[in-house]
Amino acid sequence: MSGSKILSFKEPDYRLTFIDSLSFLLTRLNAMPKALDFTDQTKGYFPHKFSSENHLNYVGPYPPPLERMMACEWEEFDSWYGKGVTFGKLHADSEERVETLQSEHGICTIVVREHK
């Protein structure tokens, strides 16, 4: 444990250990593919706050962008965000949301499996 956060626990009957692997990584999720030299995965920009039960059927304007990105990421993000704001509405059940979540899962899986 670290404070009130569980970092790992063991299940002795089945000899399993569960580790919150991402708590040990200092790199942001979108930087992991480049940092760990696998380029077939990228993290999308679909807003995470819209990946909740409250927003499952949301259709409406794009939320304002978060300002937690590094300066080098803003140009690519602005291109993605501008297309959404100009040409449509955010659909919480969209294909893009599914692709973003699958991509993030893929990145996490590769990191945990290949870079223990």
C-alpha atoms as a PDB file:
ATOM      1  CA  MET A   1       0.000   0.000   0.000  1.00  0.00           C
ATOM      2  CA  SER A   2       0.956   3.581  -0.550  1.00  0.00           C
ATOM      3  CA  GLY A   3      -1.158   5.766   1.705  1.00  0.00           C
ATOM      4  CA  SER A   4      -4.689   4.556   1.023  1.00  0.00           C
ATOM      5  CA  LYS A   5      -3.914   3.168  -2.444  1.00  0.00           C
ATOM      6  CA  ILE A   6      -3.479  -0.569  -2.914  1.00  0.00           C
ATOM      7  CA  LEU A   7      -0.518  -1.197  -5.213  1.00  0.00           C
ATOM      8  CA  SER A   8      -0.651  -4.987  -5.095  1.00  0.00           C
ATOM      9  CA  PHE A   9      -2.224  -7.894  -3.284  1.00  0.00           C
ATOM     10  CA  LYS A  10      -1.845 -11.664  -3.243  1.00  0.00           C
ATOM     11  CA  GLU A  11      -4.511 -14.333  -3.404  1.00  0.00           C
ATOM     12  CA  PRO A  12      -2.822 -17.279  -1.668  1.00  0.00           C
ATOM     13  CA  ASP A  13      -5.292 -20.041  -2.530  1.00  0.00           C
ATOM     14  CA  TYR A  14      -4.622 -19.696  -6.256  1.00  0.00           C
ATOM     15  CA  ARG A  15      -1.107 -18.261  -5.899  1.00  0.00           C
ATOM     16  CA  LEU A  16      -2.045 -15.100  -7.789  1.00  0.00           C
ATOM     17  CA  THR A  17      -0.568 -11.653  -7.401  1.00  0.00           C
ATOM     18  CA  PHE A  18      -2.436  -8.613  -8.648  1.00  0.00           C
ATOM     19  CA  ILE A  19      -0.321  -5.535  -9.310  1.00  0.00           C
ATOM     20  CA  ASP A  20      -1.494  -2.044 -10.186  1.00  0.00           C
ATOM     21  CA  SER A  21       1.312  -1.850 -12.744  1.00  0.00           C
ATOM     22  CA  LEU A  22       0.453   1.587 -14.063  1.00  0.00           C
ATOM     23  CA  SER A  23       1.021   3.098 -10.612  1.00  0.00           C
ATOM     24  CA  PHE A  24       4.692   2.288 -11.031  1.00  0.00           C
ATOM     25  CA  LEU A  25       5.086   4.083 -14.340  1.00  0.00           C
ATOM     26  CA  LEU A  26       6.028   7.737 -14.477  1.00  0.00           C
ATOM     27  CA  THR A  27       5.322   8.182 -18.182  1.00  0.00           C
ATOM     28  CA  ARG A  28       1.981   9.469 -19.391  1.00  0.00           C
ATOM     29  CA  LEU A  29      -0.117   6.946 -21.317  1.00  0.00           C
ATOM     30  CA  ASN A  30       0.143   8.810 -24.623  1.00  0.00           C
ATOM     31  CA  ALA A  31       3.961   8.892 -24.359  1.00  0.00           C
ATOM     32  CA  MET A  32       4.397   5.174 -23.627  1.00  0.00           C
ATOM     33  CA  PRO A  33       4.418   3.829 -27.207  1.00  0.00           C
ATOM     34  CA  LYS A  34       7.286   6.110 -28.221  1.00  0.00           C
ATOM     35  CA  ALA A  35       9.150   5.734 -24.923  1.00  0.00           C
ATOM     36  CA  LEU A  36       8.953   1.939 -25.057  1.00  0.00           C
ATOM     37  CA  ASP A  37       9.558   1.692 -28.803  1.00  0.00           C
ATOM     38  CA  PHE A  38       6.275   0.324 -30.105  1.00  0.00           C
ATOM     39  CA  THR A  39       4.607   2.537 -32.656  1.00  0.00           C
ATOM     40  CA  ASP A  40       1.566   0.519 -33.704  1.00  0.00           C
ATOM     41  CA  GLN A  41      -0.533   1.974 -30.861  1.00  0.00           C
ATOM     42  CA  THR A  42      -1.612   5.564 -30.280  1.00  0.00           C
ATOM     43  CA  LYS A  43      -3.802   7.155 -27.656  1.00  0.00           C
ATOM     44  CA  GLY A  44      -6.818   9.042 -28.943  1.00  0.00           C
ATOM     45  CA  TYR A  45      -8.213  12.342 -27.730  1.00  0.00           C
ATOM     46  CA  PHE A  46     -11.762  11.310 -26.829  1.00  0.00           C
ATOM     47  CA  PRO A  47     -12.501  13.088 -23.510  1.00  0.00           C
ATOM     48  CA  HIS A  48     -12.255  10.684 -20.584  1.00  0.00           C
ATOM     49  CA  LYS A  49     -14.908  12.442 -18.531  1.00  0.00           C
ATOM     50  CA  PHE A  50     -17.363  11.267 -21.155  1.00  0.00           C
ATOM     51  CA  SER A  51     -16.473   7.631 -20.556  1.00  0.00           C
ATOM     52  CA  SER A  52     -18.886   7.354 -17.674  1.00  0.00           C
ATOM     53  CA  GLU A  53     -22.352   6.009 -17.080  1.00  0.00           C
ATOM     54  CA  ASN A  54     -23.701   9.574 -16.863  1.00  0.00           C
ATOM     55  CA  HIS A  55     -22.673  10.277 -20.446  1.00  0.00           C
ATOM     56  CA  LEU A  56     -23.504   6.986 -22.180  1.00  0.00           C
ATOM     57  CA  ASN A  57     -26.154   8.595 -24.386  1.00  0.00           C
ATOM     58  CA  TYR A  58     -24.661  12.088 -24.599  1.00  0.00           C
ATOM     59  CA  VAL A  59     -24.904  13.865 -27.929  1.00  0.00           C
ATOM     60  CA  GLY A  60     -23.935  17.501 -27.856  1.00  0.00           C
ATOM     61  CA  PRO A  61     -21.170  20.030 -28.227  1.00  0.00           C
ATOM     62  CA  TYR A  62     -17.585  19.100 -27.551  1.00  0.00           C
ATOM     63  CA  PRO A  63     -16.440  20.081 -24.059  1.00  0.00           C
ATOM     64  CA  PRO A  64     -13.679  22.675 -23.736  1.00  0.00           C
ATOM     65  CA  PRO A  65     -10.214  21.146 -24.130  1.00  0.00           C
ATOM     66  CA  LEU A  66      -8.155  20.291 -21.092  1.00  0.00           C
ATOM     67  CA  GLU A  67      -4.979  22.275 -20.757  1.00  0.00           C
ATOM     68  CA  ARG A  68      -2.817  19.465 -19.437  1.00  0.00           C
ATOM     69  CA  MET A  69      -1.090  18.703 -22.719  1.00  0.00           C
ATOM     70  CA  MET A  70       2.481  19.442 -23.562  1.00  0.00           C
ATOM     71  CA  ALA A  71       3.023  22.210 -26.105  1.00  0.00           C
ATOM     72  CA  CYS A  72       4.196  19.736 -28.762  1.00  0.00           C
ATOM     73  CA  GLU A  73       0.838  17.902 -28.566  1.00  0.00           C
ATOM     74  CA  TRP A  74      -1.406  20.933 -29.074  1.00  0.00           C
ATOM     75  CA  GLU A  75      -1.057  21.159 -32.864  1.00  0.00           C
ATOM     76  CA  GLU A  76      -2.261  17.591 -33.456  1.00  0.00           C
ATOM     77  CA  PHE A  77      -4.960  17.957 -30.806  1.00  0.00           C
ATOM     78  CA  ASP A  78      -6.182  21.258 -32.286  1.00  0.00           C
ATOM     79  CA  SER A  79      -6.614  19.582 -35.655  1.00  0.00           C
ATOM     80  CA  TRP A  80      -8.712  16.772 -34.115  1.00  0.00           C
ATOM     81  CA  TYR A  81     -10.689  19.092 -31.851  1.00  0.00           C
ATOM     82  CA  GLY A  82     -11.336  21.664 -34.579  1.00  0.00           C
ATOM     83  CA  LYS A  83     -12.839  19.047 -36.883  1.00  0.00           C
ATOM     84  CA  GLY A  84     -15.214  17.895 -34.167  1.00  0.00           C
ATOM     85  CA  VAL A  85     -16.298  21.360 -33.132  1.00  0.00           C
ATOM     86  CA  THR A  86     -16.717  22.544 -36.713  1.00  0.00           C
ATOM     87  CA  PHE A  87     -18.305  19.503 -38.313  1.00  0.00           C
ATOM     88  CA  GLY A  88     -20.311  17.766 -35.644  1.00  0.00           C
ATOM     89  CA  LYS A  89     -21.267  16.946 -32.155  1.00  0.00           C
ATOM     90  CA  LEU A  90     -19.658  14.667 -29.652  1.00  0.00           C
ATOM     91  CA  HIS A  91     -21.341  11.280 -29.511  1.00  0.00           C
ATOM     92  CA  ALA A  92     -20.477   9.394 -26.324  1.00  0.00           C
ATOM     93  CA  ASP A  93     -21.319   6.074 -27.969  1.00  0.00           C
ATOM     94  CA  SER A  94     -19.309   6.797 -31.095  1.00  0.00           C
ATOM     95  CA  GLU A  95     -16.897   4.534 -32.898  1.00  0.00           C
ATOM     96  CA  GLU A  96     -14.148   6.981 -31.967  1.00  0.00           C
ATOM     97  CA  ARG A  97     -14.819   6.443 -28.266  1.00  0.00           C
ATOM     98  CA  VAL A  98     -14.606   2.686 -28.703  1.00  0.00           C
ATOM     99  CA  GLU A  99     -11.390   3.012 -30.736  1.00  0.00           C
ATOM    100  CA  THR A 100      -9.836   5.280 -28.101  1.00  0.00           C
ATOM    101  CA  LEU A 101     -10.701   2.921 -25.258  1.00  0.00           C
ATOM    102  CA  GLN A 102      -9.426  -0.113 -27.193  1.00  0.00           C
ATOM    103  CA  SER A 103      -6.222   1.722 -28.049  1.00  0.00           C
ATOM    104  CA  GLU A 104      -5.616   2.715 -24.431  1.00  0.00           C
ATOM    105  CA  HIS A 105      -6.270  -0.863 -23.319  1.00  0.00           C
ATOM    106  CA  GLY A 106      -3.843  -2.090 -25.978  1.00  0.00           C
ATOM    107  CA  ILE A 107      -1.121   0.278 -24.794  1.00  0.00           C
ATOM    108  CA  CYS A 108      -1.581  -0.790 -21.173  1.00  0.00           C
ATOM    109  CA  THR A 109      -1.570  -4.466 -22.136  1.00  0.00           C
ATOM    110  CA  ILE A 110       1.669  -4.152 -24.108  1.00  0.00           C
ATOM    111  CA  VAL A 111       3.355  -2.186 -21.337  1.00  0.00           C
ATOM    112  CA  VAL A 112       2.407  -4.680 -18.651  1.00  0.00           C
ATOM    113  CA  ARG A 113       3.106  -7.781 -20.739  1.00  0.00           C
ATOM    114  CA  GLU A 114       6.315  -6.761 -22.475  1.00  0.00           C
ATOM    115  CA  HIS A 115       7.950  -4.366 -20.027  1.00  0.00           C
ATOM    116  CA  LYS A 116       7.614  -6.004 -16.614  1.00  0.00           C
END
